[in-house]
C-alpha atoms as a PDB file:
ATOM      1  CA  MET A   1     -23.978-102.429  48.027  1.00  0.00           C
ATOM      2  CA  ARG A   2     -26.582 -99.727  48.220  1.00  0.00           C
ATOM      3  CA  ILE A   3     -27.495 -97.497  45.285  1.00  0.00           C
ATOM      4  CA  SER A   4     -26.634 -94.431  47.330  1.00  0.00           C
ATOM      5  CA  ASP A   5     -23.011 -95.545  47.893  1.00  0.00           C
ATOM      6  CA  PRO A   6     -21.644 -94.413  44.475  1.00  0.00           C
ATOM      7  CA  ILE A   7     -23.350 -91.058  44.872  1.00  0.00           C
ATOM      8  CA  ALA A   8     -21.935 -90.660  48.363  1.00  0.00           C
ATOM      9  CA  SER A   9     -18.507 -91.641  47.068  1.00  0.00           C
ATOM     10  CA  ARG A  10     -18.633 -89.034  44.300  1.00  0.00           C
ATOM     11  CA  ILE A  11     -19.752 -86.381  46.771  1.00  0.00           C
ATOM     12  CA  HIS A  12     -16.910 -87.357  49.092  1.00  0.00           C
ATOM     13  CA  ARG A  13     -14.353 -87.056  46.274  1.00  0.00           C
ATOM     14  CA  ARG A  14     -15.723 -83.659  45.248  1.00  0.00           C
ATOM     15  CA  LEU A  15     -15.505 -82.440  48.817  1.00  0.00           C
ATOM     16  CA  ARG A  16     -11.960 -83.738  49.079  1.00  0.00           C
ATOM     17  CA  TYR A  17     -10.938 -82.056  45.825  1.00  0.00           C
ATOM     18  CA  GLY A  18     -12.708 -78.893  46.928  1.00  0.00           C
ATOM     19  CA  ARG A  19     -10.774 -78.857  50.194  1.00  0.00           C
ATOM     20  CA  THR A  20      -7.495 -79.425  48.322  1.00  0.00           C
ATOM     21  CA  ALA A  21      -8.254 -76.611  45.882  1.00  0.00           C
ATOM     22  CA  ALA A  22      -9.158 -74.323  48.777  1.00  0.00           C
ATOM     23  CA  LEU A  23      -5.900 -75.129  50.555  1.00  0.00           C
ATOM     24  CA  LEU A  24      -3.912 -74.475  47.382  1.00  0.00           C
ATOM     25  CA  LEU A  25      -5.707 -71.149  46.901  1.00  0.00           C
ATOM     26  CA  LEU A  26      -5.051 -70.222  50.523  1.00  0.00           C
ATOM     27  CA  PHE A  27      -1.376 -71.126  50.160  1.00  0.00           C
ATOM     28  CA  ALA A  28      -1.090 -69.052  46.994  1.00  0.00           C
ATOM     29  CA  THR A  29      -2.806 -66.124  48.693  1.00  0.00           C
ATOM     30  CA  LEU A  30      -0.545 -66.321  51.738  1.00  0.00           C
ATOM     31  CA  SER A  31       2.507 -66.650  49.502  1.00  0.00           C
ATOM     32  CA  ALA A  32       1.434 -63.594  47.505  1.00  0.00           C
ATOM     33  CA  CYS A  33       0.882 -61.645  50.726  1.00  0.00           C
ATOM     34  CA  LYS A  34       4.318 -62.639  51.977  1.00  0.00           C
ATOM     35  CA  THR A  35       5.878 -61.675  48.664  1.00  0.00           C
ATOM     36  CA  SER A  36       4.143 -58.280  48.749  1.00  0.00           C
ATOM     37  CA  THR A  37       5.284 -57.720  52.327  1.00  0.00           C
ATOM     38  CA  GLU A  38       8.848 -58.594  51.402  1.00  0.00           C
ATOM     39  CA  GLY A  39       8.578 -56.371  48.335  1.00  0.00           C
ATOM     40  CA  LEU A  40       7.492 -53.409  50.465  1.00  0.00           C
ATOM     41  CA  ALA A  41      10.348 -54.030  52.898  1.00  0.00           C
ATOM     42  CA  ALA A  42      12.816 -54.180  50.015  1.00  0.00           C
ATOM     43  CA  ALA A  43      11.369 -51.006  48.470  1.00  0.00           C
ATOM     44  CA  ASN A  44      11.709 -49.151  51.786  1.00  0.00           C
ATOM     45  CA  GLN A  45      15.302 -50.300  52.142  1.00  0.00           C
ATOM     46  CA  LEU A  46      16.050 -49.225  48.575  1.00  0.00           C
ATOM     47  CA  THR A  47      14.585 -45.799  49.343  1.00  0.00           C
ATOM     48  CA  ARG A  48      16.896 -45.393  52.349  1.00  0.00           C
ATOM     49  CA  THR A  49      19.928 -46.596  50.434  1.00  0.00           C
ATOM     50  CA  SER A  50      19.262 -44.301  47.469  1.00  0.00           C
ATOM     51  CA  GLN A  51      18.942 -41.356  49.869  1.00  0.00           C
ATOM     52  CA  GLN A  52      22.284 -42.264  51.451  1.00  0.00           C
ATOM     53  CA  LEU A  53      23.841 -42.540  48.006  1.00  0.00           C
ATOM     54  CA  SER A  54      22.475 -39.139  46.982  1.00  0.00           C
ATOM     55  CA  ALA A  55      23.828 -37.552  50.184  1.00  0.00           C
ATOM     56  CA  TYR A  56      27.201 -39.206  49.577  1.00  0.00           C
ATOM     57  CA  TYR A  57      27.496 -37.690  46.098  1.00  0.00           C
ATOM     58  CA  SER A  58      26.244 -34.323  47.328  1.00  0.00           C
ATOM     59  CA  ASP A  59      29.025 -34.292  49.909  1.00  0.00           C
ATOM     60  CA  LEU A  60      31.581 -35.260  47.251  1.00  0.00           C
ATOM     61  CA  ILE A  61      30.429 -32.384  45.045  1.00  0.00           C
ATOM     62  CA  SER A  62      30.962 -29.968  47.951  1.00  0.00           C
ATOM     63  CA  GLN A  63      34.384 -31.471  48.574  1.00  0.00           C
ATOM     64  CA  VAL A  64      35.454 -30.852  44.991  1.00  0.00           C
ATOM     65  CA  GLN A  65      34.313 -27.232  45.254  1.00  0.00           C
ATOM     66  CA  ASP A  66      36.292 -26.866  48.495  1.00  0.00           C
ATOM     67  CA  THR A  67      39.337 -28.367  46.789  1.00  0.00           C
ATOM     68  CA  ILE A  68      39.192 -25.679  44.091  1.00  0.00           C
ATOM     69  CA  THR A  69      39.256 -23.007  46.814  1.00  0.00           C
ATOM     70  CA  LEU A  70      42.055 -24.775  48.687  1.00  0.00           C
ATOM     71  CA  LYS A  71      44.145 -25.049  45.519  1.00  0.00           C
ATOM     72  CA  GLN A  72      43.783 -21.315  45.030  1.00  0.00           C
ATOM     73  CA  ILE A  73      44.792 -20.579  48.646  1.00  0.00           C
ATOM     74  CA  GLN A  74      47.782 -22.912  48.315  1.00  0.00           C
ATOM     75  CA  ALA A  75      48.982 -21.184  45.147  1.00  0.00           C
ATOM     76  CA  GLU A  76      48.472 -17.583  46.222  1.00  0.00           C
ATOM     77  CA  VAL A  77      49.255 -17.796  49.962  1.00  0.00           C
ATOM     78  CA  MET A  78      51.800 -20.595  50.314  1.00  0.00           C
ATOM     79  CA  PHE A  79      53.557 -20.425  46.939  1.00  0.00           C
ATOM     80  CA  GLU A  80      52.747 -16.781  46.162  1.00  0.00           C
ATOM     81  CA  SER A  81      52.051 -17.644  42.538  1.00  0.00           C
ATOM     82  CA  PRO A  82      49.027 -17.254  40.225  1.00  0.00           C
ATOM     83  CA  PHE A  83      46.386 -19.953  40.415  1.00  0.00           C
ATOM     84  CA  ASP A  84      46.361 -22.324  37.428  1.00  0.00           C
ATOM     85  CA  THR A  85      42.768 -22.159  36.207  1.00  0.00           C
ATOM     86  CA  SER A  86      43.172 -25.407  34.250  1.00  0.00           C
ATOM     87  CA  ILE A  87      43.119 -27.186  37.619  1.00  0.00           C
ATOM     88  CA  ALA A  88      39.735 -25.656  38.347  1.00  0.00           C
ATOM     89  CA  ASP A  89      38.474 -26.678  34.898  1.00  0.00           C
ATOM     90  CA  GLN A  90      39.304 -30.340  35.496  1.00  0.00           C
ATOM     91  CA  LEU A  91      37.844 -30.303  38.988  1.00  0.00           C
ATOM     92  CA  ASN A  92      34.673 -28.682  37.677  1.00  0.00           C
ATOM     93  CA  GLU A  93      34.376 -31.487  35.125  1.00  0.00           C
ATOM     94  CA  THR A  94      34.631 -33.963  37.987  1.00  0.00           C
ATOM     95  CA  ARG A  95      32.009 -32.025  39.913  1.00  0.00           C
ATOM     96  CA  GLN A  96      29.602 -32.122  36.974  1.00  0.00           C
ATOM     97  CA  GLU A  97      30.022 -35.865  36.552  1.00  0.00           C
ATOM     98  CA  LEU A  98      29.409 -36.392  40.260  1.00  0.00           C
ATOM     99  CA  ALA A  99      26.216 -34.364  39.874  1.00  0.00           C
ATOM    100  CA  GLN A 100      25.094 -36.888  37.230  1.00  0.00           C
ATOM    101  CA  ARG A 101      25.676 -39.674  39.718  1.00  0.00           C
ATOM    102  CA  GLN A 102      23.665 -37.826  42.332  1.00  0.00           C
ATOM    103  CA  SER A 103      20.833 -37.557  39.801  1.00  0.00           C
ATOM    104  CA  LEU A 104      21.186 -41.296  39.220  1.00  0.00           C
ATOM    105  CA  ALA A 105      20.711 -41.871  42.947  1.00  0.00           C
ATOM    106  CA  THR A 106      17.605 -39.670  42.904  1.00  0.00           C
ATOM    107  CA  ALA A 107      16.202 -41.611  39.934  1.00  0.00           C
ATOM    108  CA  LEU A 108      16.886 -44.843  41.809  1.00  0.00           C
ATOM    109  CA  GLY A 109      14.819 -43.454  44.678  1.00  0.00           C
ATOM    110  CA  ASN A 110      11.946 -42.774  42.255  1.00  0.00           C
ATOM    111  CA  VAL A 111      12.094 -46.406  41.141  1.00  0.00           C
ATOM    112  CA  ALA A 112      11.958 -47.454  44.795  1.00  0.00           C
ATOM    113  CA  THR A 113       8.780 -45.403  45.289  1.00  0.00           C
ATOM    114  CA  ALA A 114       7.142 -46.932  42.206  1.00  0.00           C
ATOM    115  CA  TYR A 115       8.289 -50.393  43.280  1.00  0.00           C
ATOM    116  CA  ALA A 116       6.633 -49.891  46.673  1.00  0.00           C
ATOM    117  CA  SER A 117       3.347 -49.084  44.913  1.00  0.00           C
ATOM    118  CA  LEU A 118       3.676 -52.238  42.853  1.00  0.00           C
ATOM    119  CA  ALA A 119       4.409 -54.352  45.928  1.00  0.00           C
ATOM    120  CA  GLY A 120       1.432 -52.824  47.711  1.00  0.00           C
ATOM    121  CA  ALA A 121      -0.891 -53.853  44.860  1.00  0.00           C
ATOM    122  CA  ASN A 122      -1.496 -50.218  44.006  1.00  0.00           C
ATOM    123  CA  SER A 123      -1.342 -48.651  40.571  1.00  0.00           C
ATOM    124  CA  ALA A 124       1.756 -49.670  38.657  1.00  0.00           C
ATOM    125  CA  ALA A 125       1.470 -46.831  36.167  1.00  0.00           C
ATOM    126  CA  ASP A 126       4.460 -44.975  37.623  1.00  0.00           C
ATOM    127  CA  ILE A 127       6.880 -47.892  37.381  1.00  0.00           C
ATOM    128  CA  GLY A 128       7.428 -47.436  33.639  1.00  0.00           C
ATOM    129  CA  ALA A 129       8.090 -43.703  33.952  1.00  0.00           C
ATOM    130  CA  ALA A 130      10.469 -44.258  36.872  1.00  0.00           C
ATOM    131  CA  ALA A 131      12.322 -46.964  34.949  1.00  0.00           C
ATOM    132  CA  SER A 132      12.614 -44.699  31.896  1.00  0.00           C
ATOM    133  CA  GLY A 133      13.983 -41.868  34.039  1.00  0.00           C
ATOM    134  CA  LEU A 134      16.566 -44.155  35.605  1.00  0.00           C
ATOM    135  CA  ALA A 135      17.617 -45.522  32.211  1.00  0.00           C
ATOM    136  CA  LYS A 136      18.189 -41.960  30.956  1.00  0.00           C
ATOM    137  CA  GLN A 137      20.393 -41.226  33.965  1.00  0.00           C
ATOM    138  CA  PHE A 138      22.432 -44.334  33.241  1.00  0.00           C
ATOM    139  CA  GLU A 139      22.994 -43.022  29.727  1.00  0.00           C
ATOM    140  CA  ALA A 140      24.087 -39.630  31.078  1.00  0.00           C
ATOM    141  CA  ILE A 141      26.912 -41.164  33.124  1.00  0.00           C
ATOM    142  CA  HIS A 142      30.405 -40.711  31.683  1.00  0.00           C
ATOM    143  CA  LYS A 143      33.871 -41.600  32.868  1.00  0.00           C
ATOM    144  CA  LEU A 144      35.216 -39.434  35.688  1.00  0.00           C
ATOM    145  CA  PRO A 145      38.476 -37.591  34.951  1.00  0.00           C
ATOM    146  CA  GLY A 146      41.222 -39.892  36.158  1.00  0.00           C
ATOM    147  CA  GLY A 147      38.716 -42.615  36.922  1.00  0.00           C
ATOM    148  CA  PRO A 148      38.067 -46.086  35.520  1.00  0.00           C
ATOM    149  CA  ALA A 149      35.901 -46.864  32.501  1.00  0.00           C
ATOM    150  CA  ILE A 150      32.179 -47.248  33.106  1.00  0.00           C
ATOM    151  CA  PRO A 151      31.487 -50.980  33.699  1.00  0.00           C
ATOM    152  CA  ASP A 152      29.621 -52.664  30.824  1.00  0.00           C
ATOM    153  CA  VAL A 153      27.029 -54.010  33.246  1.00  0.00           C
ATOM    154  CA  VAL A 154      25.742 -50.460  33.788  1.00  0.00           C
ATOM    155  CA  GLY A 155      24.530 -50.021  30.208  1.00  0.00           C
ATOM    156  CA  LYS A 156      23.165 -53.558  30.005  1.00  0.00           C
ATOM    157  CA  ALA A 157      21.205 -53.144  33.242  1.00  0.00           C
ATOM    158  CA  ALA A 158      19.503 -50.022  31.867  1.00  0.00           C
ATOM    159  CA  GLU A 159      18.381 -51.878  28.735  1.00  0.00           C
ATOM    160  CA  LEU A 160      17.071 -54.886  30.669  1.00  0.00           C
ATOM    161  CA  LEU A 161      15.277 -52.601  33.074  1.00  0.00           C
ATOM    162  CA  LEU A 162      13.153 -51.064  30.335  1.00  0.00           C
ATOM    163  CA  ASP A 163      12.424 -54.447  28.748  1.00  0.00           C
ATOM    164  CA  GLN A 164      11.314 -56.180  31.932  1.00  0.00           C
ATOM    165  CA  MET A 165       9.462 -53.224  33.421  1.00  0.00           C
ATOM    166  CA  ARG A 166       6.917 -53.306  30.603  1.00  0.00           C
ATOM    167  CA  GLU A 167       5.158 -56.255  32.242  1.00  0.00           C
ATOM    168  CA  ARG A 168       4.652 -54.253  35.429  1.00  0.00           C
ATOM    169  CA  LYS A 169       4.558 -57.389  37.577  1.00  0.00           C
ATOM    170  CA  LEU A 170       6.180 -57.654  40.966  1.00  0.00           C
ATOM    171  CA  ARG A 171       8.346 -60.666  40.219  1.00  0.00           C
ATOM    172  CA  GLN A 172       9.676 -59.433  36.871  1.00  0.00           C
ATOM    173  CA  SER A 173      10.156 -55.908  38.195  1.00  0.00           C
ATOM    174  CA  SER A 174      12.019 -57.263  41.228  1.00  0.00           C
ATOM    175  CA  GLU A 175      14.456 -59.117  39.014  1.00  0.00           C
ATOM    176  CA  ALA A 176      15.092 -56.036  36.882  1.00  0.00           C
ATOM    177  CA  ILE A 177      15.502 -53.692  39.866  1.00  0.00           C
ATOM    178  CA  SER A 178      17.830 -56.136  41.609  1.00  0.00           C
ATOM    179  CA  ASN A 179      20.066 -56.136  38.540  1.00  0.00           C
ATOM    180  CA  VAL A 180      19.960 -52.349  38.339  1.00  0.00           C
ATOM    181  CA  VAL A 181      20.938 -51.904  41.992  1.00  0.00           C
ATOM    182  CA  LYS A 182      23.752 -54.388  41.454  1.00  0.00           C
ATOM    183  CA  ALA A 183      24.901 -52.309  38.466  1.00  0.00           C
ATOM    184  CA  VAL A 184      24.869 -49.129  40.562  1.00  0.00           C
ATOM    185  CA  GLY A 185      26.880 -50.973  43.203  1.00  0.00           C
ATOM    186  CA  THR A 186      29.362 -52.124  40.566  1.00  0.00           C
ATOM    187  CA  LEU A 187      29.790 -48.532  39.365  1.00  0.00           C
ATOM    188  CA  PHE A 188      30.202 -47.324  42.951  1.00  0.00           C
ATOM    189  CA  ASP A 189      32.813 -49.977  43.766  1.00  0.00           C
ATOM    190  CA  ALA A 190      34.748 -49.292  40.562  1.00  0.00           C
ATOM    191  CA  GLU A 191      34.930 -45.571  41.331  1.00  0.00           C
ATOM    192  CA  LYS A 192      35.198 -45.830  45.118  1.00  0.00           C
ATOM    193  CA  PRO A 193      39.010 -45.490  45.155  1.00  0.00           C
ATOM    194  CA  LEU A 194      38.639 -42.217  43.248  1.00  0.00           C
ATOM    195  CA  TYR A 195      35.910 -41.006  45.630  1.00  0.00           C
ATOM    196  CA  GLU A 196      38.177 -41.712  48.583  1.00  0.00           C
ATOM    197  CA  SER A 197      41.076 -40.044  46.790  1.00  0.00           C
ATOM    198  CA  ILE A 198      38.991 -36.879  46.334  1.00  0.00           C
ATOM    199  CA  ASP A 199      38.284 -36.887  50.063  1.00  0.00           C
ATOM    200  CA  SER A 200      41.847 -37.642  51.184  1.00  0.00           C
ATOM    201  CA  ASP A 201      43.411 -35.139  48.751  1.00  0.00           C
ATOM    202  CA  ARG A 202      41.113 -32.394  50.045  1.00  0.00           C
ATOM    203  CA  ILE A 203      41.845 -33.185  53.691  1.00  0.00           C
ATOM    204  CA  LYS A 204      45.608 -33.446  53.142  1.00  0.00           C
ATOM    205  CA  LEU A 205      45.594 -30.153  51.256  1.00  0.00           C
ATOM    206  CA  ALA A 206      43.542 -28.458  53.973  1.00  0.00           C
ATOM    207  CA  SER A 207      45.885 -29.933  56.592  1.00  0.00           C
ATOM    208  CA  GLU A 208      48.948 -28.625  54.784  1.00  0.00           C
ATOM    209  CA  ILE A 209      47.485 -25.129  54.527  1.00  0.00           C
ATOM    210  CA  ALA A 210      46.279 -25.166  58.135  1.00  0.00           C
ATOM    211  CA  ARG A 211      49.716 -26.153  59.455  1.00  0.00           C
ATOM    212  CA  HIS A 212      51.289 -23.438  57.307  1.00  0.00           C
ATOM    213  CA  LEU A 213      48.915 -20.823  58.706  1.00  0.00           C
ATOM    214  CA  VAL A 214      49.605 -22.011  62.251  1.00  0.00           C
ATOM    215  CA  LYS A 215      53.393 -22.344  62.098  1.00  0.00           C
ATOM    216  CA  LYS A 216      54.455 -19.869  59.414  1.00  0.00           C
ATOM    217  CA  GLU A 217      51.831 -17.167  59.008  1.00  0.00           C
ATOM    218  CA  ASN A 218      50.885 -17.105  62.704  1.00  0.00           C
ATOM    219  CA  VAL A 219      47.347 -15.934  61.864  1.00  0.00           C
ATOM    220  CA  VAL A 220      45.342 -18.636  63.663  1.00  0.00           C
ATOM    221  CA  ASP A 221      43.757 -18.359  67.099  1.00  0.00           C
ATOM    222  CA  LEU A 222      45.123 -21.381  68.972  1.00  0.00           C
ATOM    223  CA  THR A 223      43.040 -21.039  72.116  1.00  0.00           C
ATOM    224  CA  PRO A 224      40.350 -23.564  70.963  1.00  0.00           C
ATOM    225  CA  ALA A 225      43.034 -26.265  71.098  1.00  0.00           C
ATOM    226  CA  LEU A 226      43.276 -25.737  74.862  1.00  0.00           C
ATOM    227  CA  ALA A 227      39.519 -25.845  75.396  1.00  0.00           C
ATOM    228  CA  PRO A 228      39.320 -29.560  76.370  1.00  0.00           C
ATOM    229  CA  ALA A 229      41.573 -28.862  79.363  1.00  0.00           C
ATOM    230  CA  LEU A 230      39.989 -25.558  80.396  1.00  0.00           C
ATOM    231  CA  LYS A 231      36.259 -26.006  79.591  1.00  0.00           C
ATOM    232  CA  PRO A 232      35.448 -28.333  82.570  1.00  0.00           C
ATOM    233  CA  PHE A 233      36.538 -25.532  84.894  1.00  0.00           C
ATOM    234  CA  ASP A 234      34.973 -22.648  82.964  1.00  0.00           C
ATOM    235  CA  LEU A 235      38.409 -21.239  82.196  1.00  0.00           C
ATOM    236  CA  THR A 236      39.525 -19.361  79.084  1.00  0.00           C
ATOM    237  CA  ALA A 237      43.021 -19.317  77.639  1.00  0.00           C
ATOM    238  CA  ASN A 238      44.816 -15.975  77.649  1.00  0.00           C
ATOM    239  CA  MET A 239      47.363 -16.491  74.921  1.00  0.00           C
ATOM    240  CA  PRO A 240      49.539 -13.590  73.764  1.00  0.00           C
ATOM    241  CA  VAL A 241      48.080 -12.088  70.618  1.00  0.00           C
ATOM    242  CA  ASN A 242      50.093 -13.068  67.520  1.00  0.00           C
ATOM    243  CA  GLN A 243      52.831 -14.482  69.747  1.00  0.00           C
ATOM    244  CA  PRO A 244      51.772 -17.942  70.895  1.00  0.00           C
ATOM    245  CA  PRO A 245      54.649 -20.049  72.239  1.00  0.00           C
ATOM    246  CA  ASP A 246      56.177 -22.456  69.729  1.00  0.00           C
ATOM    247  CA  LYS A 247      55.155 -25.474  71.775  1.00  0.00           C
ATOM    248  CA  TYR A 248      51.485 -24.547  71.334  1.00  0.00           C
ATOM    249  CA  ARG A 249      51.885 -24.144  67.607  1.00  0.00           C
ATOM    250  CA  ALA A 250      53.532 -27.563  67.434  1.00  0.00           C
ATOM    251  CA  LEU A 251      50.711 -29.053  69.516  1.00  0.00           C
ATOM    252  CA  VAL A 252      48.048 -27.676  67.173  1.00  0.00           C
ATOM    253  CA  ALA A 253      49.965 -28.876  64.112  1.00  0.00           C
ATOM    254  CA  GLU A 254      50.046 -32.405  65.563  1.00  0.00           C
ATOM    255  CA  GLU A 255      46.320 -32.230  66.272  1.00  0.00           C
ATOM    256  CA  ILE A 256      45.644 -31.175  62.677  1.00  0.00           C
ATOM    257  CA  THR A 257      47.561 -34.209  61.391  1.00  0.00           C
ATOM    258  CA  ALA A 258      45.799 -36.604  63.765  1.00  0.00           C
ATOM    259  CA  ARG A 259      42.344 -35.326  62.859  1.00  0.00           C
ATOM    260  CA  SER A 260      43.161 -35.472  59.166  1.00  0.00           C
ATOM    261  CA  ASN A 261      44.096 -39.145  59.394  1.00  0.00           C
ATOM    262  CA  GLN A 262      40.954 -39.915  61.394  1.00  0.00           C
ATOM    263  CA  GLN A 263      38.683 -38.154  58.903  1.00  0.00           C
ATOM    264  CA  ILE A 264      40.235 -40.044  55.989  1.00  0.00           C
ATOM    265  CA  SER A 265      39.724 -43.326  57.831  1.00  0.00           C
ATOM    266  CA  ASP A 266      36.122 -42.448  58.725  1.00  0.00           C
ATOM    267  CA  TYR A 267      35.308 -41.585  55.121  1.00  0.00           C
ATOM    268  CA  ALA A 268      36.687 -44.892  53.869  1.00  0.00           C
ATOM    269  CA  ALA A 269      34.481 -46.678  56.409  1.00  0.00           C
ATOM    270  CA  THR A 270      31.446 -44.696  55.200  1.00  0.00           C
ATOM    271  CA  SER A 271      32.206 -45.682  51.599  1.00  0.00           C
ATOM    272  CA  ASP A 272      32.512 -49.355  52.549  1.00  0.00           C
ATOM    273  CA  ALA A 273      29.231 -49.236  54.462  1.00  0.00           C
ATOM    274  CA  LEU A 274      27.393 -47.725  51.490  1.00  0.00           C
ATOM    275  CA  SER A 275      28.887 -50.321  49.145  1.00  0.00           C
ATOM    276  CA  ASN A 276      27.656 -53.067  51.456  1.00  0.00           C
ATOM    277  CA  SER A 277      24.194 -51.487  51.627  1.00  0.00           C
ATOM    278  CA  LEU A 278      23.879 -51.495  47.838  1.00  0.00           C
ATOM    279  CA  MET A 279      24.849 -55.165  47.695  1.00  0.00           C
ATOM    280  CA  ALA A 280      22.471 -56.066  50.527  1.00  0.00           C
ATOM    281  CA  VAL A 281      19.428 -54.339  49.027  1.00  0.00           C
ATOM    282  CA  SER A 282      20.140 -55.913  45.631  1.00  0.00           C
ATOM    283  CA  GLU A 283      20.111 -59.356  47.261  1.00  0.00           C
ATOM    284  CA  GLN A 284      16.975 -58.476  49.247  1.00  0.00           C
ATOM    285  CA  ILE A 285      15.085 -57.557  46.072  1.00  0.00           C
ATOM    286  CA  ALA A 286      16.427 -60.646  44.294  1.00  0.00           C
ATOM    287  CA  LYS A 287      14.740 -62.835  46.932  1.00  0.00           C
ATOM    288  CA  VAL A 288      11.396 -61.271  46.041  1.00  0.00           C
ATOM    289  CA  ALA A 289      12.043 -62.092  42.365  1.00  0.00           C
ATOM    290  CA  LYS A 290      12.636 -65.760  43.187  1.00  0.00           C
ATOM    291  CA  ARG A 291       9.216 -66.197  44.798  1.00  0.00           C
ATOM    292  CA  HIS A 292       6.463 -67.494  42.479  1.00  0.00           C
END
């Protein structure tokens, strides 16, 4: 055996270990890149979902305001009685609580923006402020009039969010944000029947008033109902003013009922889709948290 053999053997082992270490470093780097890419994708999806949630609550707030007006029309036009202002007071309380939930959705969007910065290896300074803002919005949420109690998971998620966000690391932040989105989804699902009730009550009330105005008051122009048949031929209905035939009034009343039912069904589908989106983005972020 030559003297140089042990030296060559040691060099060979060092080279082998060096290659192994390099491969491990490369794997870790690629894994980190993949995790960051997935984190950015999850952050973008959370941004879209929070925007949809904010728009959903904004629409609900408008619906409640419309319901107040419809209640007043029903009382003074249909029943010819004074409007009970206590009804407006309760609906305004509902509207204010829905505004808090819209603010919660906005705060969730701010967390998504900060989370994207963290996933992109940019400054993580904003993540703490965004988390604090979201936690405050959780605390501002109260039970809706006639609605269920706020789920316990909502308060717990806010506390865990602040605790875990202090580390400002992608994995820990992902776990906290996933739990928070799940909590928002739990709140949404718990209150979803009430949301849909607000929508259906408004539409049914509007439908009742519309049919009354068509069949009893006779103050509605019915010619638009004939437009689908006349528009292809550039024709315009010439209906007697204030004396439309009864069959046309009945036709419009049936159309009002059909459209009301369709709108209620469409809104329920929109609510289900948003609920599914919240669950999906929570699971998407959770996958980022599970990567080391």
